[in-house]
Amino acid sequence: CSPFFHTNAQMYCYMPALILGASISIVPGFSASRYFDVARFTGVTVSSMVASPMRMALHRATEEGRAIDPGALRLIQYGQQLSSADWALWDRHLPQVEMRQVYGQTETVSIVLAGAPWEADDRRTIGRPALGIDAVKLVDETGRAVDTGAPGELLVRGEPGRTLMRGY
């Protein structure tokens, strides 16, 4: 569910599949009303989405008033948040699809933060630094660490050319 030019598509979806010899489903375009039908038809097992298309696909599927059949879909890596009401709807209709929140940046060439695969996704936090990320820090405009819950800028330390774009 990502355009080819997006970092999410290139690094989180396509590269692991290519490295592991898995298959990739490429469709002409995204359709919220047909998302689960296309996933089922193509045999998708893992998908990557952000909140907006997740919400659209969920609401279009539930508006039809029938059970949602995700086929072989077993995991969605997602970014951003759904509302509590949307999560309740998701869990009611798709309890068999595991959810895993991940976070990355255009400047990184890997996932920056994610929950561990053996942990339940709590849907509130993004997780901890992913493999290859040396450190993350949330700071204010002066560079000082911010308190829990306060807004700030996320700084990521990694290896330029390996986990960060060269020049960062």
Protein backbone atom coordinates (compact mmCIF):
# COMPACT_ATOMS: atom_id res chain seq x y z
CA CYS A 1 0.00 0.00 0.00
CA SER A 2 2.88 2.32 -0.74
CA PRO A 3 3.95 4.01 -3.96
CA PHE A 4 7.31 2.79 -5.29
CA PHE A 5 9.04 6.11 -4.60
CA HIS A 6 8.23 6.08 -0.89
CA THR A 7 10.93 4.98 1.55
CA ASN A 8 8.42 2.74 3.30
CA ALA A 9 7.81 0.86 0.10
CA GLN A 10 11.46 0.61 -0.91
CA MET A 11 13.06 -0.36 2.36
CA TYR A 12 10.41 -1.88 4.60
CA CYS A 13 8.36 -3.74 2.01
CA TYR A 14 10.33 -4.55 -1.12
CA MET A 15 13.92 -5.00 0.00
CA PRO A 16 13.25 -7.59 2.73
CA ALA A 17 11.06 -9.52 0.31
CA LEU A 18 13.71 -9.44 -2.41
CA ILE A 19 16.50 -10.42 -0.03
CA LEU A 20 14.49 -13.34 1.37
CA GLY A 21 13.19 -14.49 -1.99
CA ALA A 22 9.57 -13.71 -1.19
CA SER A 23 6.92 -12.53 -3.63
CA ILE A 24 5.69 -8.96 -3.99
CA SER A 25 2.19 -8.03 -5.15
CA ILE A 26 2.13 -5.01 -7.41
CA VAL A 27 -1.25 -3.61 -8.36
CA PRO A 28 -2.08 -0.65 -10.61
CA GLY A 29 -3.45 1.51 -7.80
CA PHE A 30 -4.84 1.63 -4.30
CA SER A 31 -8.56 1.24 -3.79
CA ALA A 32 -9.88 1.46 -0.24
CA SER A 33 -13.13 -0.18 -1.26
CA ARG A 34 -11.27 -3.13 -2.78
CA TYR A 35 -8.26 -3.40 -0.45
CA PHE A 36 -9.25 -6.66 1.27
CA ASP A 37 -10.51 -8.19 -1.98
CA VAL A 38 -7.20 -7.42 -3.70
CA ALA A 39 -5.20 -8.68 -0.71
CA ARG A 40 -7.17 -11.93 -0.78
CA PHE A 41 -6.91 -12.29 -4.59
CA THR A 42 -3.13 -11.70 -4.64
CA GLY A 43 -2.45 -13.89 -1.58
CA VAL A 44 -0.83 -11.11 0.42
CA THR A 45 0.39 -12.24 3.85
CA VAL A 46 2.11 -9.02 5.02
CA SER A 47 1.08 -5.47 4.22
CA SER A 48 2.36 -2.04 5.15
CA MET A 49 -0.03 0.88 5.58
CA VAL A 50 -0.51 4.18 7.31
CA ALA A 51 -3.61 5.26 9.21
CA SER A 52 -5.50 7.02 6.40
CA PRO A 53 -5.70 4.06 3.98
CA MET A 54 -6.24 1.66 6.89
CA ARG A 55 -9.22 3.72 8.04
CA MET A 56 -10.61 4.03 4.50
CA ALA A 57 -10.28 0.29 3.81
CA LEU A 58 -11.85 -0.61 7.16
CA HIS A 59 -14.81 1.73 6.78
CA ARG A 60 -15.46 0.81 3.15
CA ALA A 61 -15.40 -2.89 4.02
CA THR A 62 -17.69 -2.50 7.05
CA GLU A 63 -20.12 -0.24 5.17
CA GLU A 64 -20.89 -3.19 2.91
CA GLY A 65 -22.30 -4.98 5.96
CA ARG A 66 -20.63 -8.32 5.35
CA ALA A 67 -17.80 -10.12 7.10
CA ILE A 68 -14.34 -8.98 6.05
CA ASP A 69 -12.30 -11.82 4.58
CA PRO A 70 -8.61 -10.85 4.55
CA GLY A 71 -7.57 -14.15 2.98
CA ALA A 72 -3.98 -15.05 3.92
CA LEU A 73 -3.25 -11.58 5.33
CA ARG A 74 -1.71 -12.14 8.77
CA LEU A 75 0.31 -9.00 9.54
CA ILE A 76 0.02 -5.29 8.81
CA GLN A 77 2.94 -3.04 9.66
CA TYR A 78 1.45 0.37 10.16
CA GLY A 79 2.42 3.93 10.89
CA GLN A 80 0.43 6.68 12.59
CA GLN A 81 -2.60 6.07 14.77
CA LEU A 82 -6.21 5.11 14.41
CA SER A 83 -8.83 6.40 16.83
CA SER A 84 -10.02 4.20 19.71
CA ALA A 85 -13.31 3.69 17.85
CA ASP A 86 -11.47 2.61 14.69
CA TRP A 87 -9.28 0.19 16.67
CA ALA A 88 -12.39 -1.32 18.27
CA LEU A 89 -13.95 -1.75 14.81
CA TRP A 90 -10.69 -3.20 13.45
CA ASP A 91 -10.42 -5.72 16.31
CA ARG A 92 -14.06 -6.75 15.93
CA HIS A 93 -13.74 -7.44 12.19
CA LEU A 94 -10.08 -8.47 11.84
CA PRO A 95 -8.92 -10.16 15.05
CA GLN A 96 -6.80 -12.63 13.07
CA VAL A 97 -4.60 -9.91 11.52
CA GLU A 98 -1.67 -8.99 13.76
CA MET A 99 -0.74 -5.33 13.84
CA ARG A 100 2.79 -3.99 14.31
CA GLN A 101 3.53 -0.27 14.48
CA VAL A 102 6.80 0.82 12.89
CA TYR A 103 8.34 4.23 12.41
CA GLY A 104 10.92 5.40 9.93
CA GLN A 105 12.09 8.62 8.35
CA THR A 106 12.98 9.58 4.82
CA GLU A 107 16.51 10.23 6.05
CA THR A 108 16.90 6.69 7.35
CA VAL A 109 17.26 3.57 5.28
CA SER A 110 15.75 1.27 7.86
CA ILE A 111 12.97 1.19 10.38
CA VAL A 112 13.90 3.51 13.25
CA LEU A 113 11.49 2.40 15.98
CA ALA A 114 9.36 -0.72 16.29
CA GLY A 115 8.00 -3.10 18.88
CA ALA A 116 9.61 -6.48 19.26
CA PRO A 117 7.92 -9.25 17.26
CA TRP A 118 7.25 -11.24 20.46
CA GLU A 119 5.45 -8.32 22.16
CA ALA A 120 1.81 -7.38 21.73
CA ASP A 121 1.39 -4.12 19.82
CA ASP A 122 0.04 -1.67 22.40
CA ARG A 123 -1.07 0.84 19.72
CA ARG A 124 0.13 3.76 21.84
CA THR A 125 3.88 3.64 21.49
CA ILE A 126 6.07 3.33 18.44
CA GLY A 127 8.48 0.96 20.15
CA ARG A 128 12.20 1.01 20.77
CA PRO A 129 15.19 1.55 18.49
CA ALA A 130 15.33 -1.04 15.74
CA LEU A 131 18.35 -3.16 14.91
CA GLY A 132 21.15 -0.96 13.55
CA ILE A 133 19.89 2.26 15.13
CA ASP A 134 22.43 3.40 17.73
CA ALA A 135 20.20 5.82 19.61
CA VAL A 136 17.10 7.99 19.43
CA LYS A 137 16.39 11.07 21.48
CA LEU A 138 13.41 13.43 21.62
CA VAL A 139 14.61 17.01 22.18
CA ASP A 140 13.25 20.55 22.35
CA GLU A 141 14.43 23.45 20.16
CA THR A 142 17.53 23.89 22.38
CA GLY A 143 18.58 20.25 22.08
CA ARG A 144 17.54 19.24 25.60
CA ALA A 145 15.61 16.02 26.20
CA VAL A 146 11.87 16.60 26.63
CA ASP A 147 9.59 15.13 29.28
CA THR A 148 7.33 12.19 28.49
CA GLY A 149 4.34 13.36 26.46
CA ALA A 150 5.91 16.68 25.47
CA PRO A 151 6.37 17.54 21.77
CA GLY A 152 9.85 17.57 20.34
CA GLU A 153 12.14 16.67 17.47
CA LEU A 154 13.34 13.09 17.11
CA LEU A 155 17.09 12.74 16.66
CA VAL A 156 18.40 9.45 15.31
CA ARG A 157 22.01 8.28 15.54
CA GLY A 158 23.13 5.58 13.17
CA GLU A 159 25.74 4.81 10.56
CA PRO A 160 25.68 7.09 7.48
CA GLY A 161 25.38 5.02 4.34
CA ARG A 162 24.12 2.01 6.28
CA THR A 163 21.24 3.06 8.56
CA LEU A 164 21.14 6.76 7.66
CA MET A 165 21.37 8.46 4.29
CA ARG A 166 24.92 9.62 3.59
CA GLY A 167 25.41 13.20 4.76
CA TYR A 168 23.25 12.86 7.89
